[in-house]
């Protein structure tokens, strides 16, 4: 079966853990789903009005995580690491059942999601994949922070930069091609915070489930986690993971060049909203054909469907 076809997982996968912000126990299942259904969340702790669709226009909060809300006020938060795993692995369709208002943080990265999905394997359909191709350059700037997307014919590139006054984190940047590059360093990179910000988080009612097992904590010039960093760019790589997950709230994978400095959930969501504010900004396409000689390089196989 061609990799141009939509795929889901082969069988059910289970995860359990706590929500990093709520501190509540959370049980989550990823289940196979039919072609063209996309990613759907279902709050199984609720008996009705419990379906949520991870789309940019359903985002209700971007403070330290991405929260989606349906028309009945039902929420699910911290979806970005799971969504980043699904995006990076090319999962087009899945039903995600969860018995809590927050996705379990696990180890603070997408590592466990990716590991279990790879072990389970994939089920390919007969339906061609769909993508969103950027037609116009768009930029969102707020003071020194910005995110922009430029046209690309064949790939999704992310060029991300962070700047912190903290000497351990400092300024980091990384650039990658999502469809061609090895993404394990992105998947394995954990969320992080400054030790001096922990009390602020608690006063806001956040970070109740956070600890050194699921987050990197930096205290002045020292990393408090005994094992240290998993890779030299773990801080910026985690931001790229967040960005990847938030970009999937466009509904499909993107073809474009993303460049971001000091951004986060809020700016990424604002960019997606800007893209969809004008139909001239993008094309919804599906790939026809049986071969993909290089990541989306057979541009003649792209057929506009919108």
C-alpha atoms as a PDB file:
ATOM      1  CA  UNK A   1       0.000   0.000   0.000  1.00  0.00           C
ATOM      2  CA  UNK A   2       1.347   3.420  -0.953  1.00  0.00           C
ATOM      3  CA  UNK A   3       2.372   5.891   1.738  1.00  0.00           C
ATOM      4  CA  UNK A   4       0.240   8.354  -0.214  1.00  0.00           C
ATOM      5  CA  UNK A   5      -2.812   6.732   1.377  1.00  0.00           C
ATOM      6  CA  UNK A   6      -4.377   7.779   4.668  1.00  0.00           C
ATOM      7  CA  UNK A   7      -3.445   5.671   7.666  1.00  0.00           C
ATOM      8  CA  UNK A   8      -4.607   4.942  11.156  1.00  0.00           C
ATOM      9  CA  UNK A   9      -3.171   2.683  13.861  1.00  0.00           C
ATOM     10  CA  UNK A  10      -3.472  -1.081  13.612  1.00  0.00           C
ATOM     11  CA  UNK A  11      -5.071  -1.670  17.019  1.00  0.00           C
ATOM     12  CA  UNK A  12      -6.005  -0.013  20.307  1.00  0.00           C
ATOM     13  CA  UNK A  13      -3.253   1.570  22.434  1.00  0.00           C
ATOM     14  CA  UNK A  14      -3.629   2.505  26.124  1.00  0.00           C
ATOM     15  CA  UNK A  15      -1.861   5.136  28.238  1.00  0.00           C
ATOM     16  CA  UNK A  16      -2.248   6.185  31.874  1.00  0.00           C
ATOM     17  CA  UNK A  17      -0.757   9.043  33.852  1.00  0.00           C
ATOM     18  CA  UNK A  18      -1.481  12.402  35.431  1.00  0.00           C
ATOM     19  CA  UNK A  19      -2.316  15.718  33.850  1.00  0.00           C
ATOM     20  CA  UNK A  20       0.582  18.093  34.396  1.00  0.00           C
ATOM     21  CA  UNK A  21      -1.700  21.038  35.166  1.00  0.00           C
ATOM     22  CA  UNK A  22      -4.771  19.428  36.767  1.00  0.00           C
ATOM     23  CA  UNK A  23      -2.830  16.734  38.636  1.00  0.00           C
ATOM     24  CA  UNK A  24      -5.733  14.363  37.875  1.00  0.00           C
ATOM     25  CA  UNK A  25      -5.299  10.723  36.877  1.00  0.00           C
ATOM     26  CA  UNK A  26      -5.978  10.270  33.198  1.00  0.00           C
ATOM     27  CA  UNK A  27      -6.568   7.124  31.151  1.00  0.00           C
ATOM     28  CA  UNK A  28      -6.362   7.459  27.400  1.00  0.00           C
ATOM     29  CA  UNK A  29      -6.922   5.109  24.468  1.00  0.00           C
ATOM     30  CA  UNK A  30      -6.001   5.657  20.839  1.00  0.00           C
ATOM     31  CA  UNK A  31      -8.280   3.627  18.591  1.00  0.00           C
ATOM     32  CA  UNK A  32      -8.250   2.943  14.831  1.00  0.00           C
ATOM     33  CA  UNK A  33     -10.616   5.106  12.806  1.00  0.00           C
ATOM     34  CA  UNK A  34     -12.070   5.198   9.307  1.00  0.00           C
ATOM     35  CA  UNK A  35     -10.615   7.242   6.411  1.00  0.00           C
ATOM     36  CA  UNK A  36     -11.567  10.930   6.218  1.00  0.00           C
ATOM     37  CA  UNK A  37     -12.710  11.059   9.863  1.00  0.00           C
ATOM     38  CA  UNK A  38      -9.582  12.863  11.071  1.00  0.00           C
ATOM     39  CA  UNK A  39      -8.563  13.024  14.732  1.00  0.00           C
ATOM     40  CA  UNK A  40     -11.444  12.974  17.236  1.00  0.00           C
ATOM     41  CA  UNK A  41     -11.359  13.144  21.048  1.00  0.00           C
ATOM     42  CA  UNK A  42     -14.101  11.564  23.159  1.00  0.00           C
ATOM     43  CA  UNK A  43     -14.554  12.267  26.878  1.00  0.00           C
ATOM     44  CA  UNK A  44     -15.755   8.820  28.032  1.00  0.00           C
ATOM     45  CA  UNK A  45     -16.199  10.076  31.605  1.00  0.00           C
ATOM     46  CA  UNK A  46     -19.195  11.990  30.253  1.00  0.00           C
ATOM     47  CA  UNK A  47     -22.332  10.360  28.883  1.00  0.00           C
ATOM     48  CA  UNK A  48     -23.334  12.979  26.315  1.00  0.00           C
ATOM     49  CA  UNK A  49     -22.011  15.930  24.293  1.00  0.00           C
ATOM     50  CA  UNK A  50     -18.585  14.400  24.747  1.00  0.00           C
ATOM     51  CA  UNK A  51     -16.978  14.616  21.278  1.00  0.00           C
ATOM     52  CA  UNK A  52     -14.288  17.230  20.674  1.00  0.00           C
ATOM     53  CA  UNK A  53     -12.543  18.053  17.421  1.00  0.00           C
ATOM     54  CA  UNK A  54      -8.943  19.347  17.629  1.00  0.00           C
ATOM     55  CA  UNK A  55      -9.327  22.256  15.242  1.00  0.00           C
ATOM     56  CA  UNK A  56      -7.895  25.776  15.408  1.00  0.00           C
ATOM     57  CA  UNK A  57     -11.337  27.362  15.830  1.00  0.00           C
ATOM     58  CA  UNK A  58     -12.105  25.144  18.849  1.00  0.00           C
ATOM     59  CA  UNK A  59      -9.070  26.341  20.810  1.00  0.00           C
ATOM     60  CA  UNK A  60     -10.267  28.073  23.977  1.00  0.00           C
ATOM     61  CA  UNK A  61      -7.025  28.550  25.922  1.00  0.00           C
ATOM     62  CA  UNK A  62      -3.327  28.716  25.007  1.00  0.00           C
ATOM     63  CA  UNK A  63      -1.877  29.512  28.441  1.00  0.00           C
ATOM     64  CA  UNK A  64       1.039  27.039  28.829  1.00  0.00           C
ATOM     65  CA  UNK A  65      -0.848  24.367  26.874  1.00  0.00           C
ATOM     66  CA  UNK A  66      -3.471  24.017  24.166  1.00  0.00           C
ATOM     67  CA  UNK A  67      -7.052  23.502  25.320  1.00  0.00           C
ATOM     68  CA  UNK A  68      -9.967  22.711  23.024  1.00  0.00           C
ATOM     69  CA  UNK A  69     -13.645  23.164  23.890  1.00  0.00           C
ATOM     70  CA  UNK A  70     -16.780  21.941  22.134  1.00  0.00           C
ATOM     71  CA  UNK A  71     -20.066  23.818  21.766  1.00  0.00           C
ATOM     72  CA  UNK A  72     -21.286  22.407  25.101  1.00  0.00           C
ATOM     73  CA  UNK A  73     -18.346  23.757  27.086  1.00  0.00           C
ATOM     74  CA  UNK A  74     -16.586  20.372  27.431  1.00  0.00           C
ATOM     75  CA  UNK A  75     -12.802  20.729  27.396  1.00  0.00           C
ATOM     76  CA  UNK A  76      -9.614  18.729  26.895  1.00  0.00           C
ATOM     77  CA  UNK A  77      -6.253  20.326  27.587  1.00  0.00           C
ATOM     78  CA  UNK A  78      -2.568  19.677  26.904  1.00  0.00           C
ATOM     79  CA  UNK A  79      -3.285  17.947  23.608  1.00  0.00           C
ATOM     80  CA  UNK A  80      -0.173  19.289  21.840  1.00  0.00           C
ATOM     81  CA  UNK A  81       2.321  16.461  22.554  1.00  0.00           C
ATOM     82  CA  UNK A  82      -0.072  13.755  21.394  1.00  0.00           C
ATOM     83  CA  UNK A  83      -1.060  15.809  18.345  1.00  0.00           C
ATOM     84  CA  UNK A  84       2.628  16.360  17.560  1.00  0.00           C
ATOM     85  CA  UNK A  85       3.223  12.596  17.695  1.00  0.00           C
ATOM     86  CA  UNK A  86       0.271  11.930  15.366  1.00  0.00           C
ATOM     87  CA  UNK A  87       1.438  14.627  12.957  1.00  0.00           C
ATOM     88  CA  UNK A  88       5.051  13.457  12.875  1.00  0.00           C
ATOM     89  CA  UNK A  89       4.083   9.807  12.370  1.00  0.00           C
ATOM     90  CA  UNK A  90       1.573  10.661   9.658  1.00  0.00           C
ATOM     91  CA  UNK A  91      -1.552   9.397  11.441  1.00  0.00           C
ATOM     92  CA  UNK A  92      -4.505  10.826   9.526  1.00  0.00           C
ATOM     93  CA  UNK A  93      -7.375   9.222  11.431  1.00  0.00           C
ATOM     94  CA  UNK A  94      -7.793   8.150  15.070  1.00  0.00           C
ATOM     95  CA  UNK A  95     -10.374   8.156  17.835  1.00  0.00           C
ATOM     96  CA  UNK A  96      -8.923   9.173  21.194  1.00  0.00           C
ATOM     97  CA  UNK A  97     -10.944   8.183  24.253  1.00  0.00           C
ATOM     98  CA  UNK A  98     -10.069   9.872  27.531  1.00  0.00           C
ATOM     99  CA  UNK A  99     -11.656   9.840  31.003  1.00  0.00           C
ATOM    100  CA  UNK A 100     -10.214  13.156  32.184  1.00  0.00           C
ATOM    101  CA  UNK A 101     -10.134  16.804  31.071  1.00  0.00           C
ATOM    102  CA  UNK A 102      -6.365  16.619  30.429  1.00  0.00           C
ATOM    103  CA  UNK A 103      -4.158  14.361  28.337  1.00  0.00           C
ATOM    104  CA  UNK A 104      -1.633  12.524  30.548  1.00  0.00           C
ATOM    105  CA  UNK A 105       1.762  14.206  30.471  1.00  0.00           C
ATOM    106  CA  UNK A 106       3.668  10.882  30.730  1.00  0.00           C
ATOM    107  CA  UNK A 107       7.385  11.854  30.666  1.00  0.00           C
ATOM    108  CA  UNK A 108       6.750  15.404  29.410  1.00  0.00           C
ATOM    109  CA  UNK A 109       7.451  14.606  25.769  1.00  0.00           C
ATOM    110  CA  UNK A 110       5.867  12.602  22.940  1.00  0.00           C
ATOM    111  CA  UNK A 111       8.323   9.719  23.405  1.00  0.00           C
ATOM    112  CA  UNK A 112       5.869   7.175  24.860  1.00  0.00           C
ATOM    113  CA  UNK A 113       3.117   8.012  22.372  1.00  0.00           C
ATOM    114  CA  UNK A 114       5.517   7.543  19.473  1.00  0.00           C
ATOM    115  CA  UNK A 115       7.031   4.338  20.878  1.00  0.00           C
ATOM    116  CA  UNK A 116       3.679   2.603  21.331  1.00  0.00           C
ATOM    117  CA  UNK A 117       2.265   3.743  17.996  1.00  0.00           C
ATOM    118  CA  UNK A 118       5.349   2.434  16.188  1.00  0.00           C
ATOM    119  CA  UNK A 119       5.142  -0.896  18.026  1.00  0.00           C
ATOM    120  CA  UNK A 120       1.454  -1.250  17.197  1.00  0.00           C
ATOM    121  CA  UNK A 121       1.880  -0.461  13.512  1.00  0.00           C
ATOM    122  CA  UNK A 122      -0.308   1.143  10.885  1.00  0.00           C
ATOM    123  CA  UNK A 123      -3.372   0.316   8.837  1.00  0.00           C
ATOM    124  CA  UNK A 124      -3.387   1.962   5.402  1.00  0.00           C
ATOM    125  CA  UNK A 125      -6.619   2.772   3.615  1.00  0.00           C
ATOM    126  CA  UNK A 126      -7.465   3.213  -0.068  1.00  0.00           C
ATOM    127  CA  UNK A 127      -8.112   6.953   0.454  1.00  0.00           C
ATOM    128  CA  UNK A 128      -5.445   9.472  -0.662  1.00  0.00           C
ATOM    129  CA  UNK A 129      -3.906  11.777   1.917  1.00  0.00           C
ATOM    130  CA  UNK A 130      -4.977  15.407   2.069  1.00  0.00           C
ATOM    131  CA  UNK A 131      -2.737  18.384   2.737  1.00  0.00           C
ATOM    132  CA  UNK A 132      -2.990  22.136   3.078  1.00  0.00           C
ATOM    133  CA  UNK A 133      -0.682  24.018   0.706  1.00  0.00           C
ATOM    134  CA  UNK A 134       0.176  27.600   1.631  1.00  0.00           C
ATOM    135  CA  UNK A 135      -0.336  30.042  -1.263  1.00  0.00           C
ATOM    136  CA  UNK A 136       0.625  33.353   0.380  1.00  0.00           C
ATOM    137  CA  UNK A 137       3.236  34.472   2.893  1.00  0.00           C
ATOM    138  CA  UNK A 138       1.674  35.375   6.254  1.00  0.00           C
ATOM    139  CA  UNK A 139       3.352  36.829   9.343  1.00  0.00           C
ATOM    140  CA  UNK A 140       2.140  37.487  12.892  1.00  0.00           C
ATOM    141  CA  UNK A 141       4.371  39.807  14.948  1.00  0.00           C
ATOM    142  CA  UNK A 142       3.921  40.873  18.568  1.00  0.00           C
ATOM    143  CA  UNK A 143       6.807  43.001  19.854  1.00  0.00           C
ATOM    144  CA  UNK A 144       9.966  40.888  19.406  1.00  0.00           C
ATOM    145  CA  UNK A 145       8.009  37.652  18.971  1.00  0.00           C
ATOM    146  CA  UNK A 146       6.854  36.471  15.567  1.00  0.00           C
ATOM    147  CA  UNK A 147       5.700  33.495  13.547  1.00  0.00           C
ATOM    148  CA  UNK A 148       5.371  33.377   9.784  1.00  0.00           C
ATOM    149  CA  UNK A 149       4.590  30.894   7.050  1.00  0.00           C
ATOM    150  CA  UNK A 150       5.894  31.097   3.519  1.00  0.00           C
ATOM    151  CA  UNK A 151       5.062  29.149   0.407  1.00  0.00           C
ATOM    152  CA  UNK A 152       6.755  25.823  -0.257  1.00  0.00           C
ATOM    153  CA  UNK A 153       6.182  23.422  -3.110  1.00  0.00           C
ATOM    154  CA  UNK A 154       7.201  20.159  -1.512  1.00  0.00           C
ATOM    155  CA  UNK A 155       7.627  20.134   2.267  1.00  0.00           C
ATOM    156  CA  UNK A 156       6.973  21.480   5.740  1.00  0.00           C
ATOM    157  CA  UNK A 157      10.035  23.177   7.187  1.00  0.00           C
ATOM    158  CA  UNK A 158      10.112  24.566  10.728  1.00  0.00           C
ATOM    159  CA  UNK A 159      12.793  27.078  11.755  1.00  0.00           C
ATOM    160  CA  UNK A 160      12.334  27.856  15.455  1.00  0.00           C
ATOM    161  CA  UNK A 161      14.237  30.083  17.880  1.00  0.00           C
ATOM    162  CA  UNK A 162      13.897  30.639  21.632  1.00  0.00           C
ATOM    163  CA  UNK A 163      15.502  33.354  23.750  1.00  0.00           C
ATOM    164  CA  UNK A 164      15.738  33.175  27.540  1.00  0.00           C
ATOM    165  CA  UNK A 165      17.685  35.295  29.993  1.00  0.00           C
ATOM    166  CA  UNK A 166      18.514  32.100  31.874  1.00  0.00           C
ATOM    167  CA  UNK A 167      22.114  31.070  31.051  1.00  0.00           C
ATOM    168  CA  UNK A 168      21.298  27.356  30.758  1.00  0.00           C
ATOM    169  CA  UNK A 169      18.518  27.820  28.217  1.00  0.00           C
ATOM    170  CA  UNK A 170      19.846  31.027  26.637  1.00  0.00           C
ATOM    171  CA  UNK A 171      19.250  31.344  22.873  1.00  0.00           C
ATOM    172  CA  UNK A 172      18.653  28.141  20.910  1.00  0.00           C
ATOM    173  CA  UNK A 173      17.481  27.481  17.375  1.00  0.00           C
ATOM    174  CA  UNK A 174      16.848  24.476  15.193  1.00  0.00           C
ATOM    175  CA  UNK A 175      15.547  23.916  11.693  1.00  0.00           C
ATOM    176  CA  UNK A 176      14.095  20.752  10.218  1.00  0.00           C
ATOM    177  CA  UNK A 177      12.143  19.272   7.353  1.00  0.00           C
ATOM    178  CA  UNK A 178       9.222  17.470   8.969  1.00  0.00           C
ATOM    179  CA  UNK A 179       8.619  15.088   6.052  1.00  0.00           C
ATOM    180  CA  UNK A 180      12.258  14.078   5.526  1.00  0.00           C
ATOM    181  CA  UNK A 181      14.318  14.541   8.702  1.00  0.00           C
ATOM    182  CA  UNK A 182      14.681  12.186  11.654  1.00  0.00           C
ATOM    183  CA  UNK A 183      12.272  13.480  14.318  1.00  0.00           C
ATOM    184  CA  UNK A 184      13.239  11.409  17.370  1.00  0.00           C
ATOM    185  CA  UNK A 185      15.011  14.311  19.103  1.00  0.00           C
ATOM    186  CA  UNK A 186      11.817  16.339  18.654  1.00  0.00           C
ATOM    187  CA  UNK A 187       9.562  13.547  19.942  1.00  0.00           C
ATOM    188  CA  UNK A 188      11.845  12.858  22.941  1.00  0.00           C
ATOM    189  CA  UNK A 189      12.254  16.463  24.123  1.00  0.00           C
ATOM    190  CA  UNK A 190      10.465  17.291  27.376  1.00  0.00           C
ATOM    191  CA  UNK A 191       8.543  20.299  28.579  1.00  0.00           C
ATOM    192  CA  UNK A 192      10.540  22.627  30.836  1.00  0.00           C
ATOM    193  CA  UNK A 193      10.201  25.445  33.325  1.00  0.00           C
ATOM    194  CA  UNK A 194      12.262  27.699  35.569  1.00  0.00           C
ATOM    195  CA  UNK A 195      12.311  26.763  39.243  1.00  0.00           C
ATOM    196  CA  UNK A 196      11.406  30.306  40.246  1.00  0.00           C
ATOM    197  CA  UNK A 197       8.208  30.097  38.172  1.00  0.00           C
ATOM    198  CA  UNK A 198       6.802  27.043  39.965  1.00  0.00           C
ATOM    199  CA  UNK A 199       5.075  29.053  42.715  1.00  0.00           C
ATOM    200  CA  UNK A 200       3.554  31.351  40.087  1.00  0.00           C
ATOM    201  CA  UNK A 201       2.130  28.323  38.306  1.00  0.00           C
ATOM    202  CA  UNK A 202       0.617  26.970  41.505  1.00  0.00           C
ATOM    203  CA  UNK A 203      -1.042  30.315  42.259  1.00  0.00           C
ATOM    204  CA  UNK A 204      -2.630  30.139  38.813  1.00  0.00           C
ATOM    205  CA  UNK A 205      -3.900  26.630  39.578  1.00  0.00           C
ATOM    206  CA  UNK A 206      -1.467  25.096  37.071  1.00  0.00           C
ATOM    207  CA  UNK A 207       1.387  22.613  37.283  1.00  0.00           C
ATOM    208  CA  UNK A 208      -0.325  20.482  39.965  1.00  0.00           C
ATOM    209  CA  UNK A 209       0.971  17.265  38.410  1.00  0.00           C
ATOM    210  CA  UNK A 210       4.422  18.510  37.490  1.00  0.00           C
ATOM    211  CA  UNK A 211       7.607  16.894  38.842  1.00  0.00           C
ATOM    212  CA  UNK A 212      11.120  15.976  37.788  1.00  0.00           C
ATOM    213  CA  UNK A 213       9.776  12.816  36.129  1.00  0.00           C
ATOM    214  CA  UNK A 214       7.746  14.772  33.575  1.00  0.00           C
ATOM    215  CA  UNK A 215       9.480  18.137  33.158  1.00  0.00           C
ATOM    216  CA  UNK A 216      12.930  19.666  32.989  1.00  0.00           C
ATOM    217  CA  UNK A 217      13.377  22.163  35.825  1.00  0.00           C
ATOM    218  CA  UNK A 218      16.126  24.779  35.564  1.00  0.00           C
ATOM    219  CA  UNK A 219      17.296  26.534  38.729  1.00  0.00           C
ATOM    220  CA  UNK A 220      19.568  29.450  37.822  1.00  0.00           C
ATOM    221  CA  UNK A 221      22.563  27.757  36.153  1.00  0.00           C
ATOM    222  CA  UNK A 222      21.642  24.186  37.109  1.00  0.00           C
ATOM    223  CA  UNK A 223      19.342  21.526  35.660  1.00  0.00           C
ATOM    224  CA  UNK A 224      17.676  19.779  38.608  1.00  0.00           C
ATOM    225  CA  UNK A 225      16.931  16.547  36.728  1.00  0.00           C
ATOM    226  CA  UNK A 226      19.671  14.051  37.593  1.00  0.00           C
ATOM    227  CA  UNK A 227      19.832  12.602  34.088  1.00  0.00           C
ATOM    228  CA  UNK A 228      20.353  16.025  32.510  1.00  0.00           C
ATOM    229  CA  UNK A 229      19.269  16.709  28.943  1.00  0.00           C
ATOM    230  CA  UNK A 230      18.348  14.102  26.344  1.00  0.00           C
ATOM    231  CA  UNK A 231      19.841  16.163  23.503  1.00  0.00           C
ATOM    232  CA  UNK A 232      21.768  19.424  23.226  1.00  0.00           C
ATOM    233  CA  UNK A 233      18.790  21.317  21.815  1.00  0.00           C
ATOM    234  CA  UNK A 234      16.102  19.811  24.019  1.00  0.00           C
ATOM    235  CA  UNK A 235      14.615  23.174  25.003  1.00  0.00           C
ATOM    236  CA  UNK A 236      14.020  24.455  21.469  1.00  0.00           C
ATOM    237  CA  UNK A 237      13.196  20.943  20.228  1.00  0.00           C
ATOM    238  CA  UNK A 238      10.336  20.752  22.710  1.00  0.00           C
ATOM    239  CA  UNK A 239       9.018  24.047  21.385  1.00  0.00           C
ATOM    240  CA  UNK A 240       9.113  22.543  17.889  1.00  0.00           C
ATOM    241  CA  UNK A 241       7.115  19.552  19.189  1.00  0.00           C
ATOM    242  CA  UNK A 242       4.516  21.963  20.593  1.00  0.00           C
ATOM    243  CA  UNK A 243       4.448  23.853  17.302  1.00  0.00           C
ATOM    244  CA  UNK A 244       3.992  20.630  15.339  1.00  0.00           C
ATOM    245  CA  UNK A 245       1.068  19.594  17.524  1.00  0.00           C
ATOM    246  CA  UNK A 246      -0.566  22.990  17.292  1.00  0.00           C
ATOM    247  CA  UNK A 247      -0.129  23.088  13.516  1.00  0.00           C
ATOM    248  CA  UNK A 248      -2.116  19.844  13.249  1.00  0.00           C
ATOM    249  CA  UNK A 249      -5.124  21.813  14.469  1.00  0.00           C
ATOM    250  CA  UNK A 250      -5.312  23.059  10.899  1.00  0.00           C
ATOM    251  CA  UNK A 251      -7.056  19.713  10.282  1.00  0.00           C
ATOM    252  CA  UNK A 252      -4.459  18.398   7.848  1.00  0.00           C
ATOM    253  CA  UNK A 253      -0.696  18.478   7.496  1.00  0.00           C
ATOM    254  CA  UNK A 254       0.772  21.628   5.944  1.00  0.00           C
ATOM    255  CA  UNK A 255       3.065  22.273   3.009  1.00  0.00           C
ATOM    256  CA  UNK A 256       4.890  25.502   3.853  1.00  0.00           C
ATOM    257  CA  UNK A 257       7.903  27.065   5.544  1.00  0.00           C
ATOM    258  CA  UNK A 258       7.358  28.043   9.182  1.00  0.00           C
ATOM    259  CA  UNK A 259       9.714  30.462  10.897  1.00  0.00           C
ATOM    260  CA  UNK A 260       9.188  31.427  14.533  1.00  0.00           C
ATOM    261  CA  UNK A 261      11.042  33.380  17.191  1.00  0.00           C
ATOM    262  CA  UNK A 262       9.961  33.173  20.840  1.00  0.00           C
ATOM    263  CA  UNK A 263       6.545  31.876  19.899  1.00  0.00           C
ATOM    264  CA  UNK A 264       4.232  29.384  21.535  1.00  0.00           C
ATOM    265  CA  UNK A 265       0.706  28.003  21.498  1.00  0.00           C
ATOM    266  CA  UNK A 266      -0.921  31.428  21.211  1.00  0.00           C
ATOM    267  CA  UNK A 267       1.058  32.641  18.189  1.00  0.00           C
ATOM    268  CA  UNK A 268       0.755  29.333  16.343  1.00  0.00           C
ATOM    269  CA  UNK A 269      -3.013  29.306  16.802  1.00  0.00           C
ATOM    270  CA  UNK A 270      -3.216  32.924  15.709  1.00  0.00           C
ATOM    271  CA  UNK A 271      -1.248  32.075  12.556  1.00  0.00           C
ATOM    272  CA  UNK A 272      -3.592  29.210  11.655  1.00  0.00           C
ATOM    273  CA  UNK A 273      -6.607  31.451  12.172  1.00  0.00           C
ATOM    274  CA  UNK A 274      -5.021  34.011   9.862  1.00  0.00           C
ATOM    275  CA  UNK A 275      -4.382  31.378   7.201  1.00  0.00           C
ATOM    276  CA  UNK A 276      -8.029  30.297   7.198  1.00  0.00           C
ATOM    277  CA  UNK A 277      -9.375  33.858   7.327  1.00  0.00           C
ATOM    278  CA  UNK A 278      -8.975  34.112   3.536  1.00  0.00           C
ATOM    279  CA  UNK A 279      -9.400  31.159   1.174  1.00  0.00           C
ATOM    280  CA  UNK A 280      -6.819  32.678  -1.155  1.00  0.00           C
ATOM    281  CA  UNK A 281      -4.161  31.946   1.493  1.00  0.00           C
ATOM    282  CA  UNK A 282      -4.256  28.176   1.025  1.00  0.00           C
ATOM    283  CA  UNK A 283      -5.359  25.229  -1.092  1.00  0.00           C
ATOM    284  CA  UNK A 284      -6.692  21.934   0.212  1.00  0.00           C
ATOM    285  CA  UNK A 285      -5.150  19.233  -1.949  1.00  0.00           C
ATOM    286  CA  UNK A 286      -5.065  15.475  -2.144  1.00  0.00           C
ATOM    287  CA  UNK A 287      -2.201  13.427  -3.525  1.00  0.00           C
ATOM    288  CA  UNK A 288      -2.935  11.156  -6.450  1.00  0.00           C
ATOM    289  CA  UNK A 289      -0.512   8.459  -7.542  1.00  0.00           C
ATOM    290  CA  UNK A 290       1.280   5.408  -6.230  1.00  0.00           C
ATOM    291  CA  UNK A 291       4.805   6.645  -5.569  1.00  0.00           C
ATOM    292  CA  UNK A 292       6.438   9.324  -3.481  1.00  0.00           C
ATOM    293  CA  UNK A 293      10.033   9.499  -4.784  1.00  0.00           C
ATOM    294  CA  UNK A 294      10.978  12.234  -2.332  1.00  0.00           C
ATOM    295  CA  UNK A 295       8.902  13.934   0.355  1.00  0.00           C
ATOM    296  CA  UNK A 296       6.042  15.335  -1.714  1.00  0.00           C
ATOM    297  CA  UNK A 297       8.463  16.137  -4.556  1.00  0.00           C
ATOM    298  CA  UNK A 298       6.112  14.750  -7.218  1.00  0.00           C
ATOM    299  CA  UNK A 299       4.271  18.035  -7.233  1.00  0.00           C
ATOM    300  CA  UNK A 300       2.353  17.084 -10.421  1.00  0.00           C
ATOM    301  CA  UNK A 301       0.440  14.539  -8.335  1.00  0.00           C
ATOM    302  CA  UNK A 302      -1.153  17.292  -6.270  1.00  0.00           C
ATOM    303  CA  UNK A 303      -4.769  17.956  -7.160  1.00  0.00           C
ATOM    304  CA  UNK A 304      -6.664  20.869  -5.709  1.00  0.00           C
ATOM    305  CA  UNK A 305      -9.957  19.925  -4.064  1.00  0.00           C
ATOM    306  CA  UNK A 306     -10.832  23.335  -2.616  1.00  0.00           C
END
